[in-house]
Amino acid sequence: VLQKGLKENFADAQVSVVDCPDLTQEPFNFPAKGICGKPRIADVGGVPYLIPLVQKEKVYDLNTVAKDIELPGAFILGAGAVSSKILGINAELIPIVQTKSEKKPAVNGSYVAQINPADKGCLLEKYSSKYTDCEFGLLANLYASEGQPGKVIEVKANGRTGELNFVSCLRQTLEKHYGEKPVGMGGTFIIQKGKAKIHIMPPEFSACPLNTDEDVNNWLKFFEMKAPLICQPVIVSRDPGFDLRVEHTHCFSHHGEGGHYHQDTSPDSVQYLGYFQPAELLFRIDRPQETHLVGRD
């Protein structure tokens, strides 16, 4: 299904079932070896807690989320916002956490991408270099598993010929094929070659209400960042009525760049390599009662 859809949007695409590579190795350096074992997706909070105006009291903990999704000790990947209570500012969180279990403390391999106060560029830092908690704020889209090795879906796609970004192409392909049935996937992919359009939220929350996508885009800071970028996507083919963010991807690198992935900007030369696992369960945590569709891409 995925290969057929990708071939409509990329010059070359190959999808196969393989053994998950050891994700503790380069370039991932994750705290868990794989993305297998009781795979599930959690959509926590939501964009309405950020815009039109921020609700700073919305703070969560990945160790608590792991218990909420009935998988204490889960290995969690995804995309979210930092806890401004901890950092004192707003920033992009790239969560990569082996949550705590009865036997072991949490291992936080997350990254934070923020606007560098010195030069207004990207400042990417390892979360654990400054903080010891597993908190996040406002919203997160998370893929959780036991972090085990096992069979995964390997996706290779080179040379983008269509308009869709890699993640949207995967999601819309699933939606087209499975229709009403929601199918969720998570994992990791590398932009091996090329460049990508990435945003980072400003350190200050907007004092004026952000009421339209245009308002949001004027507030966000956009960058072109270079490969290799290691990305953490969370995808649900369609929203079964839970007010989900159906796709959300954050990325980090080992050259100081990272943030929220939008699209590659070098379609001819881009190369993607990803490892995905379909999720068995979907959890919706702290769904906003008042909602809207602004700022969802």
Foldseek 3Di string as FASTA:
>chain_A
DLQVLLVVWFVDKDKDKDWQQQQCDPPRVAPFGAQDAQKEKEKAADCVCQFLHHDLVFKDAPQVVCVVVVHRQWFKFWWAWANCVVVVFTKIKGWGKRPDDPVGHIDTQIKTWAQDPVPRHIFIDGPVVPDDGRMGGRIIIMMIRNRHIDMWMKMKGAFTDDDAAPQVSSLQVCCVVVPLDKWKKKFKKWFAFAKFKFKMAHGHRDPHGQDALVSVVVRIDIDIGTDGKMKIKIAINDDNPQPGLHIWMWIDGPVRDIHTTDHTPCRGGIMMIITMDIHDYYHYHPYDPDDDDHPSD
